Amino acid sequence: MKAMTYAQYGGTEVLELSQRPTPKVGPGAVLIRVKAAGVNPVDWKIMSGGLDALMDVNFPVTPGWDVAGVVEAVGFDTPEFEVGDEVYAYGRRDTVQGGTFAELVALPAALVAHKPATLSWEQAAALPLTGLTAQRTLDILGVSAGHTLLIHNGSGSVGRSAIQLAVNAGVRVIATGSVNNHPRLRELGAEAIEYGEGLVERVRALAPEGVDAVADFTGNVLDDTLALLKSGGRHASIADWGVTAHGGHYVWVRPSAEELERLSFLVEVGTLTVDVAQTFPMQDLAQAFEANMSGHGAGKIVMTEFTA
């Protein structure tokens, strides 16, 4: 099968189009023909060697954790799925090697959910990691109706999901983002403010007594978080380990079909939408990584099937 791979750590120059063996399908697993695969910053951070201390990597690596596609085969004792089922998944495993930027990927059934019919392939591939991260962060923060939540980087893909999930729960959301993204943040139900110098004063103008919880989806904002958090408030970050020294929680989301089904329900009832900013054919993964590194997209970057 075709796959995008790298045989050593580095930048986008180490990526190449390769021929790899078709993955084996063990008991309780499914083989998925990839229709689309979402790009996440963790994909190129692993490729750079930035997470070498945390994760075992077996070269050559096919990167990618988000996937949407069609079940091609099922292993023994996998009653949840049949050949032809449309599925999606956050496919992270403990060892980095056989990822989703390929024609086929094999995953444990416990990570795979049926794709909501209302989502395109591209939207389905864009949701798992960001949606699950937002959901887990909000679960940790324990926000509910009547609470005020500050989201750092509400215009990122995780932030957009978190805004919708929180607003659906009756939470008041104040979200940071660049001015050009403010209209979309307001459409999603947030009070949009600009990030950067003067943030504390801008939030205080909206919430003079501070906020009940803070979700950090960008990093380097701990001082502002602590300045705005009410006594007894909770905060969590996906980008700053340092929050743990100040009573916060560092979030590293776990793959789970059961949790993904929670998101599927919200998609199906129209509560949760997914923004896709750009798509690239699979062989253009280097370009997609470079676009993702720029950090200025208005939604997720998604890979589609190989065209070469």
Protein backbone atom coordinates (compact mmCIF):
# COMPACT_ATOMS: atom_id res chain seq x y z
CA MET A 1 0.00 0.00 0.00
CA LYS A 2 1.01 3.64 -0.38
CA ALA A 3 1.94 5.53 2.76
CA MET A 4 3.70 8.70 3.75
CA THR A 5 6.67 7.80 5.94
CA TYR A 6 9.84 9.07 7.56
CA ALA A 7 12.88 7.01 8.58
CA GLN A 8 14.50 9.52 10.92
CA TYR A 9 13.60 12.57 12.96
CA GLY A 10 13.63 15.90 11.17
CA GLY A 11 11.56 18.50 9.38
CA THR A 12 9.25 18.03 6.42
CA GLU A 13 12.25 17.09 4.26
CA VAL A 14 12.29 13.61 5.86
CA LEU A 15 8.79 12.75 4.56
CA GLU A 16 8.54 10.48 1.54
CA LEU A 17 5.96 8.51 -0.39
CA SER A 18 6.62 4.81 0.25
CA GLN A 19 5.25 1.35 -0.39
CA ARG A 20 4.47 -0.40 2.90
CA PRO A 21 3.00 -3.85 3.68
CA THR A 22 -0.75 -4.02 4.21
CA PRO A 23 -1.32 -3.97 8.00
CA LYS A 24 -2.29 -7.24 9.67
CA VAL A 25 -5.74 -7.34 11.27
CA GLY A 26 -5.63 -9.03 14.65
CA PRO A 27 -8.50 -10.23 16.82
CA GLY A 28 -10.74 -7.36 17.88
CA ALA A 29 -9.33 -5.04 15.21
CA VAL A 30 -10.53 -3.48 11.96
CA LEU A 31 -8.72 -2.62 8.75
CA ILE A 32 -9.82 0.79 7.47
CA ARG A 33 -9.43 2.08 3.93
CA VAL A 34 -8.56 5.71 4.54
CA LYS A 35 -10.82 8.31 2.93
CA ALA A 36 -9.44 11.25 4.92
CA ALA A 37 -6.97 11.83 7.76
CA GLY A 38 -6.73 14.90 9.98
CA VAL A 39 -3.48 16.78 10.59
CA ASN A 40 -2.60 17.70 14.17
CA PRO A 41 0.43 19.55 15.56
CA VAL A 42 1.44 16.41 17.46
CA ASP A 43 2.09 14.68 14.12
CA TRP A 44 4.97 16.96 13.15
CA LYS A 45 6.14 17.42 16.74
CA ILE A 46 6.73 13.67 16.96
CA MET A 47 8.45 13.76 13.56
CA SER A 48 10.82 16.47 14.83
CA GLY A 49 11.83 14.31 17.80
CA GLY A 50 10.10 16.63 20.24
CA LEU A 51 8.25 13.82 22.03
CA ASP A 52 11.06 11.25 22.00
CA ALA A 53 11.19 11.20 25.80
CA LEU A 54 7.50 10.29 25.99
CA MET A 55 6.78 7.86 23.17
CA ASP A 56 8.43 4.83 21.62
CA VAL A 57 9.00 5.31 17.89
CA ASN A 58 9.69 2.46 15.46
CA PHE A 59 11.12 3.65 12.14
CA PRO A 60 10.01 3.87 9.44
CA VAL A 61 7.00 5.77 10.77
CA THR A 62 3.72 6.42 9.02
CA PRO A 63 2.42 9.42 11.00
CA GLY A 64 -1.18 10.38 11.67
CA TRP A 65 -3.74 9.63 14.36
CA ASP A 66 -7.08 10.92 13.02
CA VAL A 67 -8.89 8.92 10.36
CA ALA A 68 -12.19 8.49 8.56
CA GLY A 69 -12.79 5.66 6.16
CA VAL A 70 -14.48 2.40 5.24
CA VAL A 71 -13.98 -0.94 6.99
CA GLU A 72 -12.05 -3.18 4.61
CA ALA A 73 -11.70 -6.22 6.88
CA VAL A 74 -12.39 -7.25 10.47
CA GLY A 75 -10.41 -9.50 12.77
CA PHE A 76 -11.76 -12.43 14.74
CA ASP A 77 -14.38 -11.59 17.37
CA THR A 78 -15.17 -8.07 16.18
CA PRO A 79 -18.97 -8.02 16.17
CA GLU A 80 -19.18 -4.20 16.30
CA PHE A 81 -18.26 -3.77 12.64
CA GLU A 82 -18.82 -5.23 9.20
CA VAL A 83 -16.98 -4.76 5.93
CA GLY A 84 -18.31 -1.60 4.30
CA ASP A 85 -19.10 0.27 7.53
CA GLU A 86 -18.21 3.98 7.49
CA VAL A 87 -16.11 4.74 10.56
CA TYR A 88 -13.81 7.27 12.16
CA ALA A 89 -11.30 7.21 14.98
CA TYR A 90 -8.60 8.84 17.03
CA GLY A 91 -6.06 6.11 16.44
CA ARG A 92 -3.22 6.87 18.86
CA ARG A 93 -1.36 3.84 20.13
CA ASP A 94 1.47 3.48 22.62
CA THR A 95 4.08 2.95 19.90
CA VAL A 96 4.37 5.37 16.98
CA GLN A 97 4.66 3.54 13.65
CA GLY A 98 1.56 2.58 11.66
CA GLY A 99 -0.45 5.78 11.35
CA THR A 100 -3.27 7.12 9.24
CA PHE A 101 -1.48 8.94 6.40
CA ALA A 102 -1.71 5.82 4.28
CA GLU A 103 -4.14 3.91 2.09
CA LEU A 104 -4.96 1.49 4.91
CA VAL A 105 -4.67 1.48 8.70
CA ALA A 106 -5.49 -1.24 11.25
CA LEU A 107 -6.90 -0.16 14.61
CA PRO A 108 -8.36 -1.84 17.69
CA ALA A 109 -12.15 -1.78 17.53
CA ALA A 110 -12.19 -0.10 20.95
CA LEU A 111 -10.89 3.07 19.30
CA VAL A 112 -13.27 3.12 16.32
CA ALA A 113 -16.77 4.60 16.08
CA HIS A 114 -19.37 4.70 13.33
CA LYS A 115 -19.11 7.93 11.33
CA PRO A 116 -22.05 10.33 11.69
CA ALA A 117 -23.87 10.41 8.37
CA THR A 118 -24.10 14.20 8.52
CA LEU A 119 -20.31 14.62 8.37
CA SER A 120 -18.28 14.53 5.17
CA TRP A 121 -15.17 12.37 5.13
CA GLU A 122 -13.07 15.47 5.65
CA GLN A 123 -15.14 16.72 8.59
CA ALA A 124 -15.13 13.29 10.21
CA ALA A 125 -11.35 13.08 9.96
CA ALA A 126 -11.05 16.56 11.48
CA LEU A 127 -13.03 15.83 14.63
CA PRO A 128 -11.61 12.96 16.74
CA LEU A 129 -8.47 14.31 18.42
CA THR A 130 -9.64 17.90 18.73
CA GLY A 131 -13.17 16.99 19.77
CA LEU A 132 -12.06 14.42 22.31
CA THR A 133 -9.47 16.83 23.71
CA ALA A 134 -12.08 19.54 24.16
CA GLN A 135 -14.51 17.08 25.73
CA ARG A 136 -11.96 15.71 28.18
CA THR A 137 -10.80 19.20 29.15
CA LEU A 138 -14.34 20.28 29.96
CA ASP A 139 -14.99 17.07 31.89
CA ILE A 140 -11.87 17.77 33.99
CA LEU A 141 -12.90 21.38 34.60
CA GLY A 142 -16.38 20.29 35.64
CA VAL A 143 -18.09 23.36 34.16
CA SER A 144 -21.86 23.48 34.09
CA ALA A 145 -24.76 25.89 33.58
CA GLY A 146 -24.11 29.23 35.22
CA HIS A 147 -20.32 28.98 35.16
CA THR A 148 -18.07 31.35 33.22
CA LEU A 149 -15.27 29.71 31.23
CA LEU A 150 -12.29 31.44 29.64
CA ILE A 151 -10.84 29.65 26.63
CA HIS A 152 -7.37 30.62 25.49
CA ASN A 153 -7.22 30.14 21.69
CA GLY A 154 -10.90 29.69 21.04
CA SER A 155 -10.28 30.01 17.31
CA GLY A 156 -8.18 26.83 17.11
CA SER A 157 -9.83 23.52 16.32
CA VAL A 158 -9.85 22.35 19.95
CA GLY A 159 -11.15 25.72 21.07
CA ARG A 160 -13.98 25.73 18.54
CA SER A 161 -15.13 22.32 19.72
CA ALA A 162 -14.84 23.36 23.37
CA ILE A 163 -16.91 26.50 22.80
CA GLN A 164 -19.76 24.49 21.30
CA LEU A 165 -19.67 21.79 23.97
CA ALA A 166 -19.60 24.35 26.78
CA VAL A 167 -22.34 26.55 25.32
CA ASN A 168 -24.50 23.46 24.86
CA ALA A 169 -24.08 22.80 28.60
CA GLY A 170 -25.26 26.32 29.48
CA VAL A 171 -21.81 27.70 30.22
CA ARG A 172 -20.91 31.32 29.52
CA VAL A 173 -17.80 31.29 27.33
CA ILE A 174 -15.23 34.05 26.83
CA ALA A 175 -12.81 33.02 24.09
CA THR A 176 -9.62 34.58 22.77
CA GLY A 177 -8.73 34.75 19.11
CA SER A 178 -7.45 37.09 16.42
CA VAL A 179 -9.90 39.78 15.35
CA ASN A 180 -10.59 38.16 11.96
CA ASN A 181 -11.82 35.03 13.79
CA HIS A 182 -14.17 36.90 16.15
CA PRO A 183 -17.27 36.61 13.90
CA ARG A 184 -16.96 32.81 13.87
CA LEU A 185 -16.40 32.66 17.64
CA ARG A 186 -19.57 34.68 18.17
CA GLU A 187 -21.49 32.41 15.79
CA LEU A 188 -20.44 29.48 17.98
CA GLY A 189 -21.80 31.24 21.08
CA ALA A 190 -18.71 32.78 22.67
CA GLU A 191 -17.90 36.33 23.71
CA ALA A 192 -14.82 36.99 21.58
CA ILE A 193 -11.82 39.00 22.77
CA GLU A 194 -8.34 39.57 21.42
CA TYR A 195 -5.41 37.69 22.95
CA GLY A 196 -2.10 39.24 24.01
CA GLU A 197 -1.16 42.27 26.10
CA GLY A 198 -4.09 43.66 28.08
CA LEU A 199 -5.98 40.36 28.13
CA VAL A 200 -6.60 40.45 31.89
CA GLU A 201 -8.21 43.87 31.65
CA ARG A 202 -10.35 42.83 28.68
CA VAL A 203 -11.64 39.76 30.50
CA ARG A 204 -12.25 41.76 33.69
CA ALA A 205 -14.37 44.19 31.69
CA LEU A 206 -16.67 41.26 30.83
CA ALA A 207 -16.34 39.32 34.09
CA PRO A 208 -15.31 41.71 36.88
CA GLU A 209 -15.20 38.97 39.52
CA GLY A 210 -13.11 36.65 37.38
CA VAL A 211 -13.94 33.30 35.80
CA ASP A 212 -14.84 29.90 37.23
CA ALA A 213 -12.58 27.90 34.92
CA VAL A 214 -9.90 28.34 32.29
CA ALA A 215 -9.08 26.05 29.35
CA ASP A 216 -5.64 26.76 27.87
CA PHE A 217 -5.31 25.56 24.29
CA THR A 218 -2.26 27.64 23.39
CA GLY A 219 0.38 27.77 26.18
CA ASN A 220 2.36 30.65 27.72
CA VAL A 221 -0.71 32.15 29.38
CA LEU A 222 -0.40 30.82 32.92
CA ASP A 223 0.05 34.24 34.56
CA ASP A 224 -3.12 35.53 32.92
CA THR A 225 -4.99 32.38 33.89
CA LEU A 226 -4.05 32.69 37.55
CA ALA A 227 -4.86 36.41 37.57
CA LEU A 228 -8.37 35.78 36.26
CA LEU A 229 -9.34 32.57 38.07
CA LYS A 230 -11.74 32.88 40.99
CA SER A 231 -10.77 31.36 44.31
CA GLY A 232 -11.49 27.64 44.04
CA GLY A 233 -11.66 27.81 40.25
CA ARG A 234 -10.16 25.12 38.04
CA HIS A 235 -7.79 25.32 35.11
CA ALA A 236 -6.36 22.89 32.57
CA SER A 237 -3.94 23.07 29.67
CA ILE A 238 -3.06 20.98 26.63
CA ALA A 239 0.11 23.00 26.00
CA ASP A 240 1.77 23.89 29.33
CA TRP A 241 3.08 21.28 31.76
CA GLY A 242 3.65 24.09 34.25
CA VAL A 243 -0.02 24.30 35.19
CA THR A 244 0.37 21.23 37.40
CA ALA A 245 2.57 23.21 39.80
CA HIS A 246 -0.26 25.71 40.25
CA GLY A 247 -3.18 23.35 40.87
CA GLY A 248 -4.00 22.86 37.20
CA HIS A 249 -4.36 19.72 35.11
CA TYR A 250 -2.29 18.84 32.04
CA VAL A 251 -4.51 17.10 29.47
CA TRP A 252 -3.33 14.21 27.28
CA VAL A 253 -6.46 12.79 25.73
CA ARG A 254 -7.06 9.03 25.54
CA PRO A 255 -8.47 7.27 22.47
CA SER A 256 -11.95 5.88 23.11
CA ALA A 257 -14.77 4.83 20.82
CA GLU A 258 -17.22 5.34 23.68
CA GLU A 259 -16.15 8.96 24.13
CA LEU A 260 -16.20 9.49 20.36
CA GLU A 261 -19.81 8.27 20.30
CA ARG A 262 -20.66 11.12 22.71
CA LEU A 263 -19.41 13.53 20.09
CA SER A 264 -21.24 11.66 17.34
CA PHE A 265 -24.54 12.20 19.13
CA LEU A 266 -23.93 15.94 19.39
CA VAL A 267 -23.05 16.07 15.70
CA GLU A 268 -26.19 14.18 14.75
CA VAL A 269 -28.49 16.50 16.73
CA GLY A 270 -26.82 19.57 15.24
CA THR A 271 -25.10 20.81 18.40
CA LEU A 272 -21.52 20.28 17.21
CA THR A 273 -20.13 21.40 13.85
CA VAL A 274 -16.68 20.91 12.34
CA ASP A 275 -14.71 23.50 10.37
CA VAL A 276 -12.24 22.29 7.73
CA ALA A 277 -9.83 24.99 6.55
CA GLN A 278 -7.81 23.19 3.87
CA THR A 279 -7.47 19.81 2.24
CA PHE A 280 -4.42 18.28 0.55
CA PRO A 281 -3.99 14.98 -1.31
CA MET A 282 -2.07 12.52 0.84
CA GLN A 283 1.18 12.80 -1.13
CA ASP A 284 1.34 16.53 -0.26
CA LEU A 285 1.72 15.87 3.47
CA ALA A 286 4.85 18.04 3.72
CA GLN A 287 2.89 21.05 2.47
CA ALA A 288 0.06 20.27 4.88
CA PHE A 289 2.47 20.07 7.82
CA GLU A 290 4.00 23.41 6.85
CA ALA A 291 0.54 24.98 6.69
CA ASN A 292 -0.29 23.53 10.11
CA MET A 293 2.97 24.86 11.55
CA SER A 294 1.96 28.39 10.55
CA GLY A 295 -0.81 28.18 13.14
CA HIS A 296 -3.20 30.57 11.40
CA GLY A 297 -5.82 28.27 9.90
CA ALA A 298 -9.57 28.83 10.32
CA GLY A 299 -10.23 25.16 11.02
CA LYS A 300 -8.55 21.80 10.55
CA ILE A 301 -6.22 20.73 7.76
CA VAL A 302 -7.21 17.36 6.35
CA MET A 303 -5.51 14.89 4.00
CA THR A 304 -7.55 13.16 1.31
CA GLU A 305 -6.81 10.06 -0.74
CA PHE A 306 -3.64 9.72 -2.81
CA THR A 307 -3.90 11.11 -6.32
CA ALA A 308 -0.46 9.90 -7.40
